[in-house]
């Protein structure tokens, strides 16, 4: 019933509770951007603690293969909702107006996408990437949006050679010198490279937000058709997600435990560090502290559309307000997040 790993029966124990109401729950397929990590705990805790059930939902969680790929998978019908890159929507919706994808809850206030390299590779500035080899999965958000990064930093997208790799091979290839750089979420690359033996001071990260591509990060996505057919379900999923997020921030140990339950090989100390890093860096930002999770600034969203449209030569990009939607959010009081414990 749960499409994620061979341990499928263990993934959503909360979904098996309250059996008398089971048949009445609305079933949805939800796709992560990757394998389960601690910042995904919002959805697992929402399942474990009955928040989906209370909203009348039965949620099947699938692993994903990249933030950009989630947009394509939702549009194709492979999933109903997903955790993906809103920037990738710009090109998709321009080319597929009949299969438009919408952002219904802005989860990451800024993107974690970056170009990452190591000291000694001759890359100290973005311009040094010219002629270099970059490894990444095809659907990786950083790779998908690299043309925008290149344009903002005086490069052509064709100035680099891409090596398409499976996700587990990316950081090892960089560490072994088989690639000069990678695109990745820094929450993955920074900790994974250290686990392979790299020194923290040797890791060079060119964050997109800090190098001319100030865009929003991953968000809860679905199709325009779905929002029109069942807006109440969309609101229910957003509400349960935010409840799960609040619980994960209030109880990081439970957040990581929810991942460990699905992925027994999870390195708990590493995941604890990754969770704290991610929450502080892109979830509980000063903007979110003041205006609540899910807030979308109209001017910043419009700038994101311009950046992406220019990078991909999109002649008629969709307006930001057409896909960066906030009407499915709960009231502000319900969107104020707790402070992560030190």
Protein backbone atom coordinates (compact mmCIF):
# COMPACT_ATOMS: atom_id res chain seq x y z
CA UNK A 1 0.00 0.00 0.00
CA UNK A 2 2.91 2.35 0.65
CA UNK A 3 5.27 2.77 -2.29
CA UNK A 4 8.61 3.72 -0.76
CA UNK A 5 10.84 0.80 0.20
CA UNK A 6 10.51 -2.94 0.70
CA UNK A 7 9.68 -2.11 4.31
CA UNK A 8 6.42 -0.64 3.02
CA UNK A 9 4.27 -2.09 5.76
CA UNK A 10 6.20 -0.09 8.37
CA UNK A 11 6.02 3.31 6.73
CA UNK A 12 2.75 4.76 7.90
CA UNK A 13 1.60 2.90 10.99
CA UNK A 14 -0.69 5.80 11.82
CA UNK A 15 -2.59 5.18 8.62
CA UNK A 16 -3.73 1.82 9.99
CA UNK A 17 -5.44 3.25 13.04
CA UNK A 18 -9.14 4.01 13.38
CA UNK A 19 -10.14 1.25 10.99
CA UNK A 20 -13.91 1.92 11.13
CA UNK A 21 -13.40 5.24 9.29
CA UNK A 22 -10.79 3.82 6.92
CA UNK A 23 -13.14 3.30 3.98
CA UNK A 24 -14.35 6.89 4.10
CA UNK A 25 -10.92 8.47 3.92
CA UNK A 26 -9.85 10.17 0.74
CA UNK A 27 -6.75 8.51 -0.68
CA UNK A 28 -3.89 10.55 -2.08
CA UNK A 29 -0.43 9.67 -3.37
CA UNK A 30 2.31 11.94 -2.07
CA UNK A 31 5.85 12.02 -3.53
CA UNK A 32 8.91 13.16 -1.60
CA UNK A 33 11.79 14.79 -3.43
CA UNK A 34 14.18 12.09 -2.23
CA UNK A 35 14.48 9.18 0.17
CA UNK A 36 13.20 9.98 3.68
CA UNK A 37 15.23 12.60 5.56
CA UNK A 38 14.44 14.34 8.82
CA UNK A 39 12.94 17.44 7.19
CA UNK A 40 10.32 15.09 5.70
CA UNK A 41 9.21 14.20 9.22
CA UNK A 42 6.27 16.62 8.99
CA UNK A 43 4.43 14.08 6.84
CA UNK A 44 5.51 10.99 8.76
CA UNK A 45 4.53 12.51 12.11
CA UNK A 46 1.24 13.64 10.60
CA UNK A 47 0.62 9.98 9.77
CA UNK A 48 1.94 8.54 13.03
CA UNK A 49 -0.02 10.95 15.21
CA UNK A 50 -3.27 10.66 13.31
CA UNK A 51 -3.38 14.14 11.76
CA UNK A 52 -4.08 12.78 8.28
CA UNK A 53 -6.81 10.54 9.67
CA UNK A 54 -8.38 13.46 11.53
CA UNK A 55 -8.55 15.34 8.23
CA UNK A 56 -10.16 12.35 6.52
CA UNK A 57 -7.05 11.45 4.51
CA UNK A 58 -5.19 8.27 3.73
CA UNK A 59 -1.76 9.26 2.42
CA UNK A 60 0.49 6.94 0.44
CA UNK A 61 4.05 8.32 0.57
CA UNK A 62 6.47 7.57 -2.27
CA UNK A 63 10.16 8.32 -2.49
CA UNK A 64 11.25 10.78 -5.18
CA UNK A 65 14.18 11.28 -7.54
CA UNK A 66 14.80 15.02 -7.43
CA UNK A 67 12.93 18.22 -6.67
CA UNK A 68 12.59 19.19 -10.32
CA UNK A 69 11.38 15.72 -11.27
CA UNK A 70 8.48 15.98 -8.81
CA UNK A 71 6.80 18.58 -11.05
CA UNK A 72 6.90 16.22 -14.01
CA UNK A 73 5.66 13.26 -11.98
CA UNK A 74 2.68 15.19 -10.59
CA UNK A 75 1.74 16.55 -14.00
CA UNK A 76 1.92 13.05 -15.51
CA UNK A 77 -0.36 11.58 -12.85
CA UNK A 78 2.30 9.49 -11.12
CA UNK A 79 1.44 11.28 -7.86
CA UNK A 80 -1.31 13.62 -6.66
CA UNK A 81 0.89 15.83 -4.47
CA UNK A 82 4.62 16.21 -4.01
CA UNK A 83 7.42 18.05 -2.29
CA UNK A 84 9.21 19.78 -5.13
CA UNK A 85 10.80 22.84 -6.67
CA UNK A 86 8.41 25.72 -7.45
CA UNK A 87 10.98 27.25 -9.78
CA UNK A 88 10.61 24.26 -12.10
CA UNK A 89 6.91 25.11 -12.44
CA UNK A 90 7.72 28.22 -14.49
CA UNK A 91 8.94 26.34 -17.55
CA UNK A 92 6.52 23.46 -17.10
CA UNK A 93 3.38 25.61 -16.93
CA UNK A 94 4.49 27.75 -19.86
CA UNK A 95 4.88 24.63 -22.00
CA UNK A 96 1.93 22.69 -20.55
CA UNK A 97 -0.88 25.13 -19.76
CA UNK A 98 -3.40 22.30 -19.81
CA UNK A 99 -1.47 20.37 -17.13
CA UNK A 100 -0.54 23.24 -14.83
CA UNK A 101 1.11 22.54 -11.47
CA UNK A 102 0.54 24.80 -8.45
CA UNK A 103 2.43 25.52 -5.25
CA UNK A 104 -0.13 25.28 -2.44
CA UNK A 105 2.19 25.59 0.58
CA UNK A 106 5.64 27.19 0.60
CA UNK A 107 7.61 24.96 3.00
CA UNK A 108 11.25 26.12 2.43
CA UNK A 109 11.51 29.90 2.56
CA UNK A 110 14.74 29.71 0.54
CA UNK A 111 16.30 27.01 -1.58
CA UNK A 112 18.97 24.63 -0.34
CA UNK A 113 20.27 24.21 -3.90
CA UNK A 114 23.96 24.90 -4.46
CA UNK A 115 26.98 23.99 -6.51
CA UNK A 116 29.35 22.17 -4.17
CA UNK A 117 33.03 21.41 -4.61
CA UNK A 118 36.14 20.75 -2.54
CA UNK A 119 39.35 22.65 -1.95
CA UNK A 120 42.07 21.78 -4.43
CA UNK A 121 39.73 21.43 -7.41
CA UNK A 122 40.56 24.89 -8.76
CA UNK A 123 37.09 26.24 -8.10
CA UNK A 124 37.04 29.23 -5.77
CA UNK A 125 34.37 31.29 -7.56
CA UNK A 126 31.40 30.34 -9.75
CA UNK A 127 33.34 31.52 -12.81
CA UNK A 128 35.93 28.81 -12.13
CA UNK A 129 33.33 26.20 -13.06
CA UNK A 130 33.97 26.82 -16.75
CA UNK A 131 35.26 23.64 -18.33
CA UNK A 132 34.58 21.57 -15.22
CA UNK A 133 32.64 18.33 -14.73
CA UNK A 134 29.51 18.52 -12.57
CA UNK A 135 27.79 15.36 -11.34
CA UNK A 136 24.09 15.25 -10.47
CA UNK A 137 20.93 13.24 -11.05
CA UNK A 138 18.90 14.50 -14.01
CA UNK A 139 15.99 15.59 -11.81
CA UNK A 140 18.08 17.40 -9.18
CA UNK A 141 16.78 20.91 -8.43
CA UNK A 142 20.23 22.47 -8.62
CA UNK A 143 20.86 20.90 -12.01
CA UNK A 144 17.43 21.88 -13.30
CA UNK A 145 18.01 25.50 -12.29
CA UNK A 146 21.71 25.64 -13.17
CA UNK A 147 21.03 27.78 -16.28
CA UNK A 148 19.72 30.50 -13.95
CA UNK A 149 22.80 30.22 -11.75
CA UNK A 150 25.06 30.30 -14.80
CA UNK A 151 23.37 33.38 -16.23
CA UNK A 152 23.63 35.23 -12.92
CA UNK A 153 27.35 34.48 -12.68
CA UNK A 154 28.59 35.20 -16.19
CA UNK A 155 28.59 31.62 -17.42
CA UNK A 156 26.83 29.74 -20.18
CA UNK A 157 24.99 26.55 -19.24
CA UNK A 158 27.17 24.87 -21.87
CA UNK A 159 30.37 25.88 -20.10
CA UNK A 160 30.21 22.74 -17.94
CA UNK A 161 30.04 19.03 -18.67
CA UNK A 162 27.30 17.14 -16.87
CA UNK A 163 27.76 13.63 -15.51
CA UNK A 164 24.39 12.00 -14.85
CA UNK A 165 24.57 9.84 -11.75
CA UNK A 166 22.32 8.00 -9.35
CA UNK A 167 21.85 9.95 -6.11
CA UNK A 168 24.07 7.76 -3.87
CA UNK A 169 27.03 8.17 -6.24
CA UNK A 170 27.14 11.96 -6.38
CA UNK A 171 29.13 12.90 -3.25
CA UNK A 172 31.46 9.86 -3.50
CA UNK A 173 32.35 10.83 -7.08
CA UNK A 174 33.22 14.36 -5.95
CA UNK A 175 35.24 13.05 -3.01
CA UNK A 176 37.20 10.63 -5.24
CA UNK A 177 37.90 13.30 -7.84
CA UNK A 178 35.76 11.71 -10.56
CA UNK A 179 33.77 14.96 -10.74
CA UNK A 180 34.96 18.50 -10.12
CA UNK A 181 31.71 19.65 -8.52
CA UNK A 182 28.14 18.58 -7.89
CA UNK A 183 24.77 20.24 -7.63
CA UNK A 184 22.97 19.26 -4.46
CA UNK A 185 21.01 20.46 -1.49
CA UNK A 186 23.64 21.63 0.96
CA UNK A 187 21.80 19.77 3.72
CA UNK A 188 22.81 16.57 1.92
CA UNK A 189 26.22 17.41 0.46
CA UNK A 190 27.73 19.13 3.50
CA UNK A 191 27.11 16.21 5.84
CA UNK A 192 27.62 13.42 3.33
CA UNK A 193 31.04 14.72 2.27
CA UNK A 194 32.15 14.90 5.89
CA UNK A 195 30.99 11.34 6.45
CA UNK A 196 33.24 10.33 3.53
CA UNK A 197 36.25 12.00 5.17
CA UNK A 198 36.23 15.53 3.79
CA UNK A 199 37.11 18.34 6.18
CA UNK A 200 34.34 20.88 6.77
CA UNK A 201 36.75 23.73 5.94
CA UNK A 202 37.49 22.15 2.56
CA UNK A 203 33.87 22.13 1.40
CA UNK A 204 33.05 25.01 -0.96
CA UNK A 205 29.34 25.77 -1.41
CA UNK A 206 28.01 28.30 -3.91
CA UNK A 207 24.45 28.74 -2.69
CA UNK A 208 22.00 29.82 -5.34
CA UNK A 209 20.32 32.34 -3.02
CA UNK A 210 23.69 34.00 -2.36
CA UNK A 211 24.79 34.07 -6.01
CA UNK A 212 22.06 35.89 -7.89
CA UNK A 213 19.29 33.29 -7.78
CA UNK A 214 17.20 34.30 -4.75
CA UNK A 215 14.38 31.82 -5.14
CA UNK A 216 12.01 29.92 -2.93
CA UNK A 217 12.86 26.37 -1.97
CA UNK A 218 10.80 23.21 -1.99
CA UNK A 219 7.06 23.44 -1.53
CA UNK A 220 3.93 21.31 -1.46
CA UNK A 221 2.78 20.96 -5.07
CA UNK A 222 -0.26 19.59 -6.86
CA UNK A 223 -2.11 20.09 -10.13
CA UNK A 224 -4.47 22.95 -10.88
CA UNK A 225 -7.06 20.34 -11.78
CA UNK A 226 -6.80 18.81 -8.29
CA UNK A 227 -7.27 22.14 -6.54
CA UNK A 228 -10.37 22.81 -8.59
CA UNK A 229 -11.83 19.35 -8.06
CA UNK A 230 -11.31 19.17 -4.29
CA UNK A 231 -10.03 22.38 -2.66
CA UNK A 232 -11.13 21.12 0.74
CA UNK A 233 -8.79 18.14 0.46
CA UNK A 234 -5.91 20.47 -0.44
CA UNK A 235 -6.60 22.58 2.64
CA UNK A 236 -6.78 19.44 4.77
CA UNK A 237 -3.40 18.18 3.56
CA UNK A 238 -1.77 21.58 4.11
CA UNK A 239 -3.21 21.80 7.63
CA UNK A 240 -2.02 18.30 8.57
CA UNK A 241 1.42 19.03 7.10
CA UNK A 242 1.83 22.17 9.20
CA UNK A 243 0.75 20.30 12.34
CA UNK A 244 3.36 17.66 11.60
CA UNK A 245 5.99 20.33 10.97
CA UNK A 246 5.25 22.01 14.30
CA UNK A 247 5.60 18.67 16.08
CA UNK A 248 8.90 17.92 14.35
CA UNK A 249 10.36 21.27 15.44
CA UNK A 250 9.08 20.90 18.99
CA UNK A 251 10.38 17.33 19.24
CA UNK A 252 13.40 16.78 16.94
CA UNK A 253 14.07 13.38 18.47
CA UNK A 254 10.63 12.22 17.38
CA UNK A 255 11.23 13.68 13.92
CA UNK A 256 14.42 11.68 13.46
CA UNK A 257 12.85 8.59 15.03
CA UNK A 258 10.06 8.75 12.44
CA UNK A 259 12.69 8.56 9.71
CA UNK A 260 14.64 5.80 11.48
CA UNK A 261 11.42 3.76 11.61
CA UNK A 262 11.20 3.89 7.81
CA UNK A 263 14.91 3.72 7.02
CA UNK A 264 16.64 1.52 9.65
CA UNK A 265 20.11 2.39 8.33
CA UNK A 266 19.60 6.08 9.18
CA UNK A 267 22.61 7.58 10.96
CA UNK A 268 20.80 9.20 13.90
CA UNK A 269 23.52 11.68 14.97
CA UNK A 270 24.01 12.81 11.37
CA UNK A 271 20.26 13.14 10.85
CA UNK A 272 19.91 15.16 14.05
CA UNK A 273 22.51 17.61 12.74
CA UNK A 274 20.97 17.74 9.28
CA UNK A 275 17.52 18.39 10.71
CA UNK A 276 18.67 21.29 12.89
CA UNK A 277 20.65 22.75 10.00
CA UNK A 278 17.73 22.57 7.58
CA UNK A 279 15.07 23.89 9.94
CA UNK A 280 17.17 26.88 10.99
CA UNK A 281 18.44 27.64 7.49
CA UNK A 282 15.33 27.48 5.34
CA UNK A 283 12.23 26.78 7.48
CA UNK A 284 12.29 29.08 10.51
CA UNK A 285 13.77 32.11 8.75
CA UNK A 286 13.22 35.67 10.03
CA UNK A 287 10.47 36.11 7.42
CA UNK A 288 8.66 33.01 8.62
CA UNK A 289 9.08 34.06 12.25
CA UNK A 290 7.31 37.33 11.45
CA UNK A 291 4.75 36.27 8.84
CA UNK A 292 4.20 32.56 9.40
CA UNK A 293 5.13 29.47 7.46
CA UNK A 294 3.77 29.44 3.93
CA UNK A 295 4.07 33.19 3.44
CA UNK A 296 4.81 34.22 -0.16
CA UNK A 297 6.15 37.69 -0.94
CA UNK A 298 4.66 38.84 -4.25
CA UNK A 299 7.71 40.80 -5.37
CA UNK A 300 10.14 38.00 -4.54
CA UNK A 301 7.93 35.42 -6.27
CA UNK A 302 7.74 37.61 -9.39
CA UNK A 303 11.53 37.97 -9.36
CA UNK A 304 11.86 34.18 -9.19
CA UNK A 305 9.69 33.86 -12.29
CA UNK A 306 11.85 36.39 -14.16
CA UNK A 307 15.08 34.65 -13.16
CA UNK A 308 13.89 31.23 -14.26
CA UNK A 309 12.21 32.48 -17.44
CA UNK A 310 15.37 34.27 -18.57
CA UNK A 311 17.53 31.23 -17.83
CA UNK A 312 15.30 28.90 -19.85
CA UNK A 313 14.28 31.39 -22.55
CA UNK A 314 10.62 31.08 -21.61
CA UNK A 315 8.88 33.66 -23.79
CA UNK A 316 5.52 33.64 -22.02
CA UNK A 317 6.09 32.61 -18.40
CA UNK A 318 3.13 32.22 -16.07
CA UNK A 319 2.56 34.97 -13.55
CA UNK A 320 3.77 34.21 -10.05
CA UNK A 321 0.28 34.60 -8.62
CA UNK A 322 -1.06 31.99 -11.04
CA UNK A 323 0.88 29.17 -9.34
CA UNK A 324 2.28 30.52 -6.03
CA UNK A 325 -1.01 30.11 -4.19
CA UNK A 326 -1.82 30.90 -0.58
CA UNK A 327 -5.59 30.45 -0.35
CA UNK A 328 -5.20 26.90 0.98
CA UNK A 329 -3.29 28.01 4.07
CA UNK A 330 -4.82 27.93 7.56
CA UNK A 331 -5.12 31.19 9.56
CA UNK A 332 -1.92 32.99 10.57
CA UNK A 333 -2.20 31.86 14.18
CA UNK A 334 -1.99 28.26 13.02
CA UNK A 335 1.07 28.99 10.86
CA UNK A 336 3.36 30.39 13.54
CA UNK A 337 6.15 27.89 14.18
CA UNK A 338 7.87 27.06 17.47
CA UNK A 339 11.57 27.76 17.97
CA UNK A 340 13.89 24.84 17.47
CA UNK A 341 15.67 23.91 20.69
CA UNK A 342 19.43 24.47 20.74
